[in-house]
Amino acid sequence: MQENLSDEVPAINTTTPEIATAGARNYELAAKHFQTAIDEIDKSVDHLQKTKAALLGTSNNFRLANDKAQAVTNRKLTRGNPTTVLNFQISRTVILPMPDELDH
């Protein structure tokens, strides 16, 4: 029995470095894949933050455009343009037929 045990011990000792090397390689690969995944998530977050900033900027421009459109009045449209003033005055006094009434 003692002889069989002593024969197996050197076999275990020679495979232990191989197991350790394989385990270290697997650990390094797993760590590399994990870090790559984290880096990709960081890139995605950065991209989404830039997209969010661009959308917020667009929203602000829409708000400003709407504010300016709301501020437009007949007086501002006709300032310095007598023809347009006359057209607005005529449109207030003349009742024009509705488009569906023109067909009859």
PDB file of N, CA and C in Angstrom:
ATOM      1  N   MET A   1       0.814  -1.178   0.000  1.00  0.00           N
ATOM      2  CA  MET A   1       0.000   0.000   0.000  1.00  0.00           C
ATOM      3  C   MET A   1       0.867   1.254   0.000  1.00  0.00           C
ATOM      4  N   GLN A   2       1.902   1.234   0.779  1.00  0.00           N
ATOM      5  CA  GLN A   2       2.813   2.373   0.864  1.00  0.00           C
ATOM      6  C   GLN A   2       3.450   2.665  -0.486  1.00  0.00           C
ATOM      7  N   GLU A   3       3.765   1.636  -1.246  1.00  0.00           N
ATOM      8  CA  GLU A   3       4.399   1.832  -2.544  1.00  0.00           C
ATOM      9  C   GLU A   3       3.449   2.520  -3.521  1.00  0.00           C
ATOM     10  N   ASN A   4       2.203   2.161  -3.518  1.00  0.00           N
ATOM     11  CA  ASN A   4       1.218   2.773  -4.407  1.00  0.00           C
ATOM     12  C   ASN A   4       1.038   4.254  -4.097  1.00  0.00           C
ATOM     13  N   LEU A   5       1.031   4.588  -2.831  1.00  0.00           N
ATOM     14  CA  LEU A   5       0.865   5.976  -2.417  1.00  0.00           C
ATOM     15  C   LEU A   5       2.056   6.814  -2.836  1.00  0.00           C
ATOM     16  N   SER A   6       3.256   6.302  -2.702  1.00  0.00           N
ATOM     17  CA  SER A   6       4.436   7.062  -3.079  1.00  0.00           C
ATOM     18  C   SER A   6       4.526   7.240  -4.589  1.00  0.00           C
ATOM     19  N   ASP A   7       3.940   6.335  -5.350  1.00  0.00           N
ATOM     20  CA  ASP A   7       3.927   6.490  -6.803  1.00  0.00           C
ATOM     21  C   ASP A   7       2.955   7.595  -7.231  1.00  0.00           C
ATOM     22  N   GLU A   8       1.896   7.784  -6.502  1.00  0.00           N
ATOM     23  CA  GLU A   8       0.875   8.775  -6.860  1.00  0.00           C
ATOM     24  C   GLU A   8       1.274  10.197  -6.475  1.00  0.00           C
ATOM     25  N   VAL A   9       2.042  10.363  -5.444  1.00  0.00           N
ATOM     26  CA  VAL A   9       2.435  11.691  -4.970  1.00  0.00           C
ATOM     27  C   VAL A   9       3.207  12.454  -6.028  1.00  0.00           C
ATOM     28  N   PRO A  10       4.225  11.883  -6.701  1.00  0.00           N
ATOM     29  CA  PRO A  10       4.916  12.638  -7.742  1.00  0.00           C
ATOM     30  C   PRO A  10       3.987  13.006  -8.893  1.00  0.00           C
ATOM     31  N   ALA A  11       3.016  12.174  -9.206  1.00  0.00           N
ATOM     32  CA  ALA A  11       2.078  12.483 -10.282  1.00  0.00           C
ATOM     33  C   ALA A  11       1.229  13.702  -9.910  1.00  0.00           C
ATOM     34  N   ILE A  12       0.813  13.781  -8.670  1.00  0.00           N
ATOM     35  CA  ILE A  12       0.031  14.939  -8.204  1.00  0.00           C
ATOM     36  C   ILE A  12       0.899  16.184  -8.235  1.00  0.00           C
ATOM     37  N   ASN A  13       2.124  16.086  -7.815  1.00  0.00           N
ATOM     38  CA  ASN A  13       3.034  17.232  -7.784  1.00  0.00           C
ATOM     39  C   ASN A  13       3.312  17.771  -9.187  1.00  0.00           C
ATOM     40  N   THR A  14       3.347  16.930 -10.195  1.00  0.00           N
ATOM     41  CA  THR A  14       3.626  17.406 -11.546  1.00  0.00           C
ATOM     42  C   THR A  14       2.390  18.048 -12.183  1.00  0.00           C
ATOM     43  N   THR A  15       1.190  17.656 -11.788  1.00  0.00           N
ATOM     44  CA  THR A  15      -0.021  18.245 -12.372  1.00  0.00           C
ATOM     45  C   THR A  15      -0.467  19.502 -11.640  1.00  0.00           C
ATOM     46  N   THR A  16      -0.032  19.712 -10.441  1.00  0.00           N
ATOM     47  CA  THR A  16      -0.440  20.890  -9.670  1.00  0.00           C
ATOM     48  C   THR A  16      -0.045  22.197 -10.364  1.00  0.00           C
ATOM     49  N   PRO A  17       1.159  22.369 -10.887  1.00  0.00           N
ATOM     50  CA  PRO A  17       1.485  23.611 -11.598  1.00  0.00           C
ATOM     51  C   PRO A  17       0.619  23.813 -12.847  1.00  0.00           C
ATOM     52  N   GLU A  18       0.273  22.737 -13.526  1.00  0.00           N
ATOM     53  CA  GLU A  18      -0.586  22.857 -14.710  1.00  0.00           C
ATOM     54  C   GLU A  18      -1.976  23.359 -14.313  1.00  0.00           C
ATOM     55  N   ILE A  19      -2.497  22.806 -13.214  1.00  0.00           N
ATOM     56  CA  ILE A  19      -3.811  23.240 -12.726  1.00  0.00           C
ATOM     57  C   ILE A  19      -3.749  24.713 -12.302  1.00  0.00           C
ATOM     58  N   ALA A  20      -2.709  25.085 -11.615  1.00  0.00           N
ATOM     59  CA  ALA A  20      -2.554  26.471 -11.163  1.00  0.00           C
ATOM     60  C   ALA A  20      -2.441  27.409 -12.352  1.00  0.00           C
ATOM     61  N   THR A  21      -1.684  27.014 -13.372  1.00  0.00           N
ATOM     62  CA  THR A  21      -1.527  27.846 -14.563  1.00  0.00           C
ATOM     63  C   THR A  21      -2.852  27.989 -15.304  1.00  0.00           C
ATOM     64  N   ALA A  22      -3.586  26.880 -15.448  1.00  0.00           N
ATOM     65  CA  ALA A  22      -4.883  26.925 -16.129  1.00  0.00           C
ATOM     66  C   ALA A  22      -5.870  27.794 -15.346  1.00  0.00           C
ATOM     67  N   GLY A  23      -5.865  27.672 -14.030  1.00  0.00           N
ATOM     68  CA  GLY A  23      -6.748  28.484 -13.192  1.00  0.00           C
ATOM     69  C   GLY A  23      -6.415  29.962 -13.290  1.00  0.00           C
ATOM     70  N   ALA A  24      -5.132  30.279 -13.303  1.00  0.00           N
ATOM     71  CA  ALA A  24      -4.704  31.678 -13.426  1.00  0.00           C
ATOM     72  C   ALA A  24      -5.103  32.239 -14.786  1.00  0.00           C
ATOM     73  N   ARG A  25      -4.966  31.432 -15.813  1.00  0.00           N
ATOM     74  CA  ARG A  25      -5.352  31.881 -17.162  1.00  0.00           C
ATOM     75  C   ARG A  25      -6.850  32.152 -17.226  1.00  0.00           C
ATOM     76  N   ASN A  26      -7.647  31.242 -16.658  1.00  0.00           N
ATOM     77  CA  ASN A  26      -9.094  31.451 -16.642  1.00  0.00           C
ATOM     78  C   ASN A  26      -9.467  32.705 -15.861  1.00  0.00           C
ATOM     79  N   TYR A  27      -8.789  32.937 -14.752  1.00  0.00           N
ATOM     80  CA  TYR A  27      -9.050  34.132 -13.945  1.00  0.00           C
ATOM     81  C   TYR A  27      -8.724  35.390 -14.749  1.00  0.00           C
ATOM     82  N   GLU A  28      -7.577  35.384 -15.415  1.00  0.00           N
ATOM     83  CA  GLU A  28      -7.181  36.547 -16.211  1.00  0.00           C
ATOM     84  C   GLU A  28      -8.177  36.811 -17.342  1.00  0.00           C
ATOM     85  N   LEU A  29      -8.626  35.760 -18.021  1.00  0.00           N
ATOM     86  CA  LEU A  29      -9.612  35.922 -19.097  1.00  0.00           C
ATOM     87  C   LEU A  29     -10.930  36.473 -18.556  1.00  0.00           C
ATOM     88  N   ALA A  30     -11.373  35.923 -17.423  1.00  0.00           N
ATOM     89  CA  ALA A  30     -12.621  36.401 -16.825  1.00  0.00           C
ATOM     90  C   ALA A  30     -12.495  37.868 -16.413  1.00  0.00           C
ATOM     91  N   ALA A  31     -11.379  38.222 -15.805  1.00  0.00           N
ATOM     92  CA  ALA A  31     -11.157  39.608 -15.382  1.00  0.00           C
ATOM     93  C   ALA A  31     -11.117  40.543 -16.590  1.00  0.00           C
ATOM     94  N   LYS A  32     -10.498  40.094 -17.680  1.00  0.00           N
ATOM     95  CA  LYS A  32     -10.419  40.912 -18.896  1.00  0.00           C
ATOM     96  C   LYS A  32     -11.807  41.123 -19.488  1.00  0.00           C
ATOM     97  N   HIS A  33     -12.602  40.055 -19.576  1.00  0.00           N
ATOM     98  CA  HIS A  33     -13.968  40.173 -20.107  1.00  0.00           C
ATOM     99  C   HIS A  33     -14.831  41.069 -19.218  1.00  0.00           C
ATOM    100  N   PHE A  34     -14.656  40.933 -17.915  1.00  0.00           N
ATOM    101  CA  PHE A  34     -15.408  41.757 -16.973  1.00  0.00           C
ATOM    102  C   PHE A  34     -15.065  43.235 -17.177  1.00  0.00           C
ATOM    103  N   GLN A  35     -13.780  43.547 -17.293  1.00  0.00           N
ATOM    104  CA  GLN A  35     -13.358  44.940 -17.476  1.00  0.00           C
ATOM    105  C   GLN A  35     -13.837  45.488 -18.817  1.00  0.00           C
ATOM    106  N   THR A  36     -13.786  44.659 -19.853  1.00  0.00           N
ATOM    107  CA  THR A  36     -14.282  45.069 -21.165  1.00  0.00           C
ATOM    108  C   THR A  36     -15.760  45.417 -21.082  1.00  0.00           C
ATOM    109  N   ALA A  37     -16.528  44.592 -20.375  1.00  0.00           N
ATOM    110  CA  ALA A  37     -17.963  44.852 -20.212  1.00  0.00           C
ATOM    111  C   ALA A  37     -18.194  46.161 -19.466  1.00  0.00           C
ATOM    112  N   ILE A  38     -17.443  46.403 -18.424  1.00  0.00           N
ATOM    113  CA  ILE A  38     -17.559  47.654 -17.659  1.00  0.00           C
ATOM    114  C   ILE A  38     -17.214  48.849 -18.545  1.00  0.00           C
ATOM    115  N   ASP A  39     -16.162  48.748 -19.331  1.00  0.00           N
ATOM    116  CA  ASP A  39     -15.766  49.839 -20.234  1.00  0.00           C
ATOM    117  C   ASP A  39     -16.865  50.126 -21.253  1.00  0.00           C
ATOM    118  N   GLU A  40     -17.485  49.078 -21.788  1.00  0.00           N
ATOM    119  CA  GLU A  40     -18.567  49.264 -22.762  1.00  0.00           C
ATOM    120  C   GLU A  40     -19.784  49.925 -22.111  1.00  0.00           C
ATOM    121  N   ILE A  41     -20.079  49.556 -20.883  1.00  0.00           N
ATOM    122  CA  ILE A  41     -21.188  50.196 -20.156  1.00  0.00           C
ATOM    123  C   ILE A  41     -20.881  51.674 -19.958  1.00  0.00           C
ATOM    124  N   ASP A  42     -19.646  51.996 -19.580  1.00  0.00           N
ATOM    125  CA  ASP A  42     -19.256  53.404 -19.399  1.00  0.00           C
ATOM    126  C   ASP A  42     -19.413  54.192 -20.692  1.00  0.00           C
ATOM    127  N   LYS A  43     -19.016  53.591 -21.817  1.00  0.00           N
ATOM    128  CA  LYS A  43     -19.164  54.263 -23.116  1.00  0.00           C
ATOM    129  C   LYS A  43     -20.634  54.491 -23.430  1.00  0.00           C
ATOM    130  N   SER A  44     -21.465  53.500 -23.146  1.00  0.00           N
ATOM    131  CA  SER A  44     -22.901  53.630 -23.408  1.00  0.00           C
ATOM    132  C   SER A  44     -23.510  54.729 -22.550  1.00  0.00           C
ATOM    133  N   VAL A  45     -23.129  54.796 -21.298  1.00  0.00           N
ATOM    134  CA  VAL A  45     -23.643  55.831 -20.398  1.00  0.00           C
ATOM    135  C   VAL A  45     -23.221  57.209 -20.901  1.00  0.00           C
ATOM    136  N   ASP A  46     -21.966  57.354 -21.298  1.00  0.00           N
ATOM    137  CA  ASP A  46     -21.489  58.637 -21.836  1.00  0.00           C
ATOM    138  C   ASP A  46     -22.287  59.036 -23.074  1.00  0.00           C
ATOM    139  N   HIS A  47     -22.511  58.076 -23.963  1.00  0.00           N
ATOM    140  CA  HIS A  47     -23.273  58.352 -25.182  1.00  0.00           C
ATOM    141  C   HIS A  47     -24.705  58.771 -24.842  1.00  0.00           C
ATOM    142  N   LEU A  48     -25.325  58.083 -23.914  1.00  0.00           N
ATOM    143  CA  LEU A  48     -26.694  58.428 -23.513  1.00  0.00           C
ATOM    144  C   LEU A  48     -26.757  59.806 -22.859  1.00  0.00           C
ATOM    145  N   GLN A  49     -25.741  60.170 -22.091  1.00  0.00           N
ATOM    146  CA  GLN A  49     -25.713  61.500 -21.476  1.00  0.00           C
ATOM    147  C   GLN A  49     -25.590  62.587 -22.548  1.00  0.00           C
ATOM    148  N   LYS A  50     -24.787  62.341 -23.566  1.00  0.00           N
ATOM    149  CA  LYS A  50     -24.657  63.304 -24.665  1.00  0.00           C
ATOM    150  C   LYS A  50     -25.980  63.420 -25.426  1.00  0.00           C
ATOM    151  N   THR A  51     -26.644  62.280 -25.645  1.00  0.00           N
ATOM    152  CA  THR A  51     -27.935  62.297 -26.333  1.00  0.00           C
ATOM    153  C   THR A  51     -28.963  63.055 -25.508  1.00  0.00           C
ATOM    154  N   LYS A  52     -28.960  62.847 -24.207  1.00  0.00           N
ATOM    155  CA  LYS A  52     -29.885  63.548 -23.310  1.00  0.00           C
ATOM    156  C   LYS A  52     -29.641  65.056 -23.376  1.00  0.00           C
ATOM    157  N   ALA A  53     -28.382  65.462 -23.346  1.00  0.00           N
ATOM    158  CA  ALA A  53     -28.049  66.888 -23.410  1.00  0.00           C
ATOM    159  C   ALA A  53     -28.524  67.493 -24.731  1.00  0.00           C
ATOM    160  N   ALA A  54     -28.342  66.748 -25.818  1.00  0.00           N
ATOM    161  CA  ALA A  54     -28.787  67.247 -27.122  1.00  0.00           C
ATOM    162  C   ALA A  54     -30.303  67.379 -27.165  1.00  0.00           C
ATOM    163  N   LEU A  55     -31.013  66.416 -26.615  1.00  0.00           N
ATOM    164  CA  LEU A  55     -32.476  66.488 -26.595  1.00  0.00           C
ATOM    165  C   LEU A  55     -32.972  67.619 -25.711  1.00  0.00           C
ATOM    166  N   LEU A  56     -32.318  67.834 -24.586  1.00  0.00           N
ATOM    167  CA  LEU A  56     -32.708  68.952 -23.719  1.00  0.00           C
ATOM    168  C   LEU A  56     -32.450  70.286 -24.414  1.00  0.00           C
ATOM    169  N   GLY A  57     -31.354  70.368 -25.165  1.00  0.00           N
ATOM    170  CA  GLY A  57     -31.067  71.588 -25.928  1.00  0.00           C
ATOM    171  C   GLY A  57     -32.113  71.822 -27.003  1.00  0.00           C
ATOM    172  N   THR A  58     -32.536  70.763 -27.666  1.00  0.00           N
ATOM    173  CA  THR A  58     -33.570  70.873 -28.681  1.00  0.00           C
ATOM    174  C   THR A  58     -34.884  71.321 -28.053  1.00  0.00           C
ATOM    175  N   SER A  59     -35.210  70.748 -26.914  1.00  0.00           N
ATOM    176  CA  SER A  59     -36.430  71.134 -26.202  1.00  0.00           C
ATOM    177  C   SER A  59     -36.401  72.614 -25.857  1.00  0.00           C
ATOM    178  N   ASN A  60     -35.268  73.096 -25.427  1.00  0.00           N
ATOM    179  CA  ASN A  60     -35.136  74.515 -25.091  1.00  0.00           C
ATOM    180  C   ASN A  60     -35.322  75.383 -26.336  1.00  0.00           C
ATOM    181  N   ASN A  61     -34.769  74.941 -27.471  1.00  0.00           N
ATOM    182  CA  ASN A  61     -34.940  75.707 -28.710  1.00  0.00           C
ATOM    183  C   ASN A  61     -36.399  75.721 -29.153  1.00  0.00           C
ATOM    184  N   PHE A  62     -37.100  74.598 -28.981  1.00  0.00           N
ATOM    185  CA  PHE A  62     -38.533  74.576 -29.294  1.00  0.00           C
ATOM    186  C   PHE A  62     -39.301  75.553 -28.399  1.00  0.00           C
ATOM    187  N   ARG A  63     -38.950  75.577 -27.131  1.00  0.00           N
ATOM    188  CA  ARG A  63     -39.611  76.499 -26.200  1.00  0.00           C
ATOM    189  C   ARG A  63     -39.374  77.948 -26.616  1.00  0.00           C
ATOM    190  N   LEU A  64     -38.140  78.275 -26.969  1.00  0.00           N
ATOM    191  CA  LEU A  64     -37.830  79.644 -27.397  1.00  0.00           C
ATOM    192  C   LEU A  64     -38.571  80.004 -28.680  1.00  0.00           C
ATOM    193  N   ALA A  65     -38.618  79.077 -29.626  1.00  0.00           N
ATOM    194  CA  ALA A  65     -39.334  79.328 -30.884  1.00  0.00           C
ATOM    195  C   ALA A  65     -40.818  79.534 -30.614  1.00  0.00           C
ATOM    196  N   ASN A  66     -41.381  78.739 -29.730  1.00  0.00           N
ATOM    197  CA  ASN A  66     -42.790  78.885 -29.389  1.00  0.00           C
ATOM    198  C   ASN A  66     -43.053  80.225 -28.718  1.00  0.00           C
ATOM    199  N   ASP A  67     -42.170  80.640 -27.819  1.00  0.00           N
ATOM    200  CA  ASP A  67     -42.319  81.941 -27.159  1.00  0.00           C
ATOM    201  C   ASP A  67     -42.304  83.071 -28.189  1.00  0.00           C
ATOM    202  N   LYS A  68     -41.409  82.974 -29.155  1.00  0.00           N
ATOM    203  CA  LYS A  68     -41.331  84.011 -30.191  1.00  0.00           C
ATOM    204  C   LYS A  68     -42.568  83.996 -31.077  1.00  0.00           C
ATOM    205  N   ALA A  69     -43.066  82.809 -31.399  1.00  0.00           N
ATOM    206  CA  ALA A  69     -44.271  82.719 -32.226  1.00  0.00           C
ATOM    207  C   ALA A  69     -45.481  83.278 -31.490  1.00  0.00           C
ATOM    208  N   GLN A  70     -45.551  83.068 -30.198  1.00  0.00           N
ATOM    209  CA  GLN A  70     -46.661  83.589 -29.405  1.00  0.00           C
ATOM    210  C   GLN A  70     -46.601  85.118 -29.312  1.00  0.00           C
ATOM    211  N   ALA A  71     -45.410  85.681 -29.437  1.00  0.00           N
ATOM    212  CA  ALA A  71     -45.245  87.127 -29.314  1.00  0.00           C
ATOM    213  C   ALA A  71     -45.582  87.875 -30.606  1.00  0.00           C
ATOM    214  N   VAL A  72     -45.772  87.135 -31.699  1.00  0.00           N
ATOM    215  CA  VAL A  72     -46.082  87.775 -32.975  1.00  0.00           C
ATOM    216  C   VAL A  72     -47.530  88.284 -32.934  1.00  0.00           C
ATOM    217  N   THR A  73     -47.691  89.540 -33.301  1.00  0.00           N
ATOM    218  CA  THR A  73     -49.025  90.140 -33.355  1.00  0.00           C
ATOM    219  C   THR A  73     -49.225  90.757 -34.739  1.00  0.00           C
ATOM    220  N   ASN A  74     -50.469  91.116 -35.029  1.00  0.00           N
ATOM    221  CA  ASN A  74     -50.747  91.795 -36.301  1.00  0.00           C
ATOM    222  C   ASN A  74     -49.950  93.087 -36.407  1.00  0.00           C
ATOM    223  N   ARG A  75     -49.848  93.781 -35.305  1.00  0.00           N
ATOM    224  CA  ARG A  75     -49.123  95.068 -35.315  1.00  0.00           C
ATOM    225  C   ARG A  75     -47.659  94.845 -35.687  1.00  0.00           C
ATOM    226  N   LYS A  76     -47.043  93.818 -35.117  1.00  0.00           N
ATOM    227  CA  LYS A  76     -45.639  93.541 -35.440  1.00  0.00           C
ATOM    228  C   LYS A  76     -45.482  93.079 -36.882  1.00  0.00           C
ATOM    229  N   LEU A  77     -46.468  92.321 -37.386  1.00  0.00           N
ATOM    230  CA  LEU A  77     -46.398  91.847 -38.764  1.00  0.00           C
ATOM    231  C   LEU A  77     -46.567  92.977 -39.775  1.00  0.00           C
ATOM    232  N   THR A  78     -47.338  93.985 -39.414  1.00  0.00           N
ATOM    233  CA  THR A  78     -47.657  95.053 -40.370  1.00  0.00           C
ATOM    234  C   THR A  78     -46.803  96.288 -40.208  1.00  0.00           C
ATOM    235  N   ARG A  79     -45.949  96.340 -39.237  1.00  0.00           N
ATOM    236  CA  ARG A  79     -45.135  97.521 -38.988  1.00  0.00           C
ATOM    237  C   ARG A  79     -44.298  97.870 -40.219  1.00  0.00           C
ATOM    238  N   GLY A  80     -44.464  99.048 -40.727  1.00  0.00           N
ATOM    239  CA  GLY A  80     -43.685  99.520 -41.864  1.00  0.00           C
ATOM    240  C   GLY A  80     -44.123  98.927 -43.193  1.00  0.00           C
ATOM    241  N   ASN A  81     -45.312  98.310 -43.260  1.00  0.00           N
ATOM    242  CA  ASN A  81     -45.778  97.711 -44.502  1.00  0.00           C
ATOM    243  C   ASN A  81     -47.243  98.087 -44.715  1.00  0.00           C
ATOM    244  N   PRO A  82     -47.475  99.211 -45.385  1.00  0.00           N
ATOM    245  CA  PRO A  82     -48.841  99.702 -45.536  1.00  0.00           C
ATOM    246  C   PRO A  82     -49.747  98.754 -46.326  1.00  0.00           C
ATOM    247  N   THR A  83     -49.203  98.018 -47.262  1.00  0.00           N
ATOM    248  CA  THR A  83     -50.019  97.081 -48.032  1.00  0.00           C
ATOM    249  C   THR A  83     -50.591  95.989 -47.125  1.00  0.00           C
ATOM    250  N   THR A  84     -49.767  95.459 -46.247  1.00  0.00           N
ATOM    251  CA  THR A  84     -50.231  94.428 -45.323  1.00  0.00           C
ATOM    252  C   THR A  84     -51.246  95.006 -44.345  1.00  0.00           C
ATOM    253  N   VAL A  85     -51.038  96.241 -43.899  1.00  0.00           N
ATOM    254  CA  VAL A  85     -52.010  96.900 -43.011  1.00  0.00           C
ATOM    255  C   VAL A  85     -53.349  96.975 -43.720  1.00  0.00           C
ATOM    256  N   LEU A  86     -53.350  97.412 -44.968  1.00  0.00           N
ATOM    257  CA  LEU A  86     -54.583  97.526 -45.748  1.00  0.00           C
ATOM    258  C   LEU A  86     -55.252  96.158 -45.902  1.00  0.00           C
ATOM    259  N   ASN A  87     -54.479  95.135 -46.198  1.00  0.00           N
ATOM    260  CA  ASN A  87     -55.044  93.788 -46.340  1.00  0.00           C
ATOM    261  C   ASN A  87     -55.692  93.304 -45.046  1.00  0.00           C
ATOM    262  N   PHE A  88     -55.078  93.567 -43.913  1.00  0.00           N
ATOM    263  CA  PHE A  88     -55.681  93.189 -42.637  1.00  0.00           C
ATOM    264  C   PHE A  88     -56.978  93.965 -42.398  1.00  0.00           C
ATOM    265  N   GLN A  89     -56.974  95.245 -42.747  1.00  0.00           N
ATOM    266  CA  GLN A  89     -58.190  96.048 -42.561  1.00  0.00           C
ATOM    267  C   GLN A  89     -59.317  95.535 -43.455  1.00  0.00           C
ATOM    268  N   ILE A  90     -59.003  95.189 -44.688  1.00  0.00           N
ATOM    269  CA  ILE A  90     -60.013  94.664 -45.611  1.00  0.00           C
ATOM    270  C   ILE A  90     -60.540  93.328 -45.102  1.00  0.00           C
ATOM    271  N   SER A  91     -59.643  92.468 -44.640  1.00  0.00           N
ATOM    272  CA  SER A  91     -60.081  91.144 -44.177  1.00  0.00           C
ATOM    273  C   SER A  91     -60.986  91.245 -42.955  1.00  0.00           C
ATOM    274  N   ARG A  92     -60.872  92.321 -42.187  1.00  0.00           N
ATOM    275  CA  ARG A  92     -61.752  92.501 -41.030  1.00  0.00           C
ATOM    276  C   ARG A  92     -63.143  92.983 -41.444  1.00  0.00           C
ATOM    277  N   THR A  93     -63.244  93.696 -42.548  1.00  0.00           N
ATOM    278  CA  THR A  93     -64.532  94.268 -42.945  1.00  0.00           C
ATOM    279  C   THR A  93     -65.274  93.431 -43.969  1.00  0.00           C
ATOM    280  N   VAL A  94     -64.566  92.678 -44.768  1.00  0.00           N
ATOM    281  CA  VAL A  94     -65.199  91.887 -45.824  1.00  0.00           C
ATOM    282  C   VAL A  94     -65.410  90.467 -45.316  1.00  0.00           C
ATOM    283  N   ILE A  95     -66.609  89.956 -45.479  1.00  0.00           N
ATOM    284  CA  ILE A  95     -66.882  88.585 -45.107  1.00  0.00           C
ATOM    285  C   ILE A  95     -66.660  87.725 -46.346  1.00  0.00           C
ATOM    286  N   LEU A  96     -65.655  86.896 -46.263  1.00  0.00           N
ATOM    287  CA  LEU A  96     -65.316  86.037 -47.388  1.00  0.00           C
ATOM    288  C   LEU A  96     -66.065  84.718 -47.246  1.00  0.00           C
ATOM    289  N   PRO A  97     -66.493  84.133 -48.393  1.00  0.00           N
ATOM    290  CA  PRO A  97     -67.173  82.848 -48.304  1.00  0.00           C
ATOM    291  C   PRO A  97     -66.222  81.745 -47.838  1.00  0.00           C
ATOM    292  N   MET A  98     -66.772  80.768 -47.160  1.00  0.00           N
ATOM    293  CA  MET A  98     -65.992  79.621 -46.714  1.00  0.00           C
ATOM    294  C   MET A  98     -65.665  78.767 -47.942  1.00  0.00           C
ATOM    295  N   PRO A  99     -64.575  78.047 -47.933  1.00  0.00           N
ATOM    296  CA  PRO A  99     -64.188  77.242 -49.113  1.00  0.00           C
ATOM    297  C   PRO A  99     -65.271  76.275 -49.550  1.00  0.00           C
ATOM    298  N   ASP A 100     -66.044  75.686 -48.633  1.00  0.00           N
ATOM    299  CA  ASP A 100     -67.077  74.746 -49.036  1.00  0.00           C
ATOM    300  C   ASP A 100     -68.277  75.462 -49.659  1.00  0.00           C
ATOM    301  N   GLU A 101     -68.414  76.771 -49.428  1.00  0.00           N
ATOM    302  CA  GLU A 101     -69.494  77.542 -50.011  1.00  0.00           C
ATOM    303  C   GLU A 101     -69.170  77.941 -51.458  1.00  0.00           C
ATOM    304  N   LEU A 102     -67.923  77.922 -51.839  1.00  0.00           N
ATOM    305  CA  LEU A 102     -67.521  78.305 -53.189  1.00  0.00           C
ATOM    306  C   LEU A 102     -67.975  77.282 -54.231  1.00  0.00           C
ATOM    307  N   ASP A 103     -68.148  76.047 -53.860  1.00  0.00           N
ATOM    308  CA  ASP A 103     -68.527  75.001 -54.802  1.00  0.00           C
ATOM    309  C   ASP A 103     -69.993  75.113 -55.223  1.00  0.00           C
ATOM    310  N   HIS A 104     -70.850  75.797 -54.465  1.00  0.00           N
ATOM    311  CA  HIS A 104     -72.300  75.853 -54.744  1.00  0.00           C
ATOM    312  C   HIS A 104     -72.643  76.967 -55.665  1.00  0.00           C
TER     313      HIS A 104
END
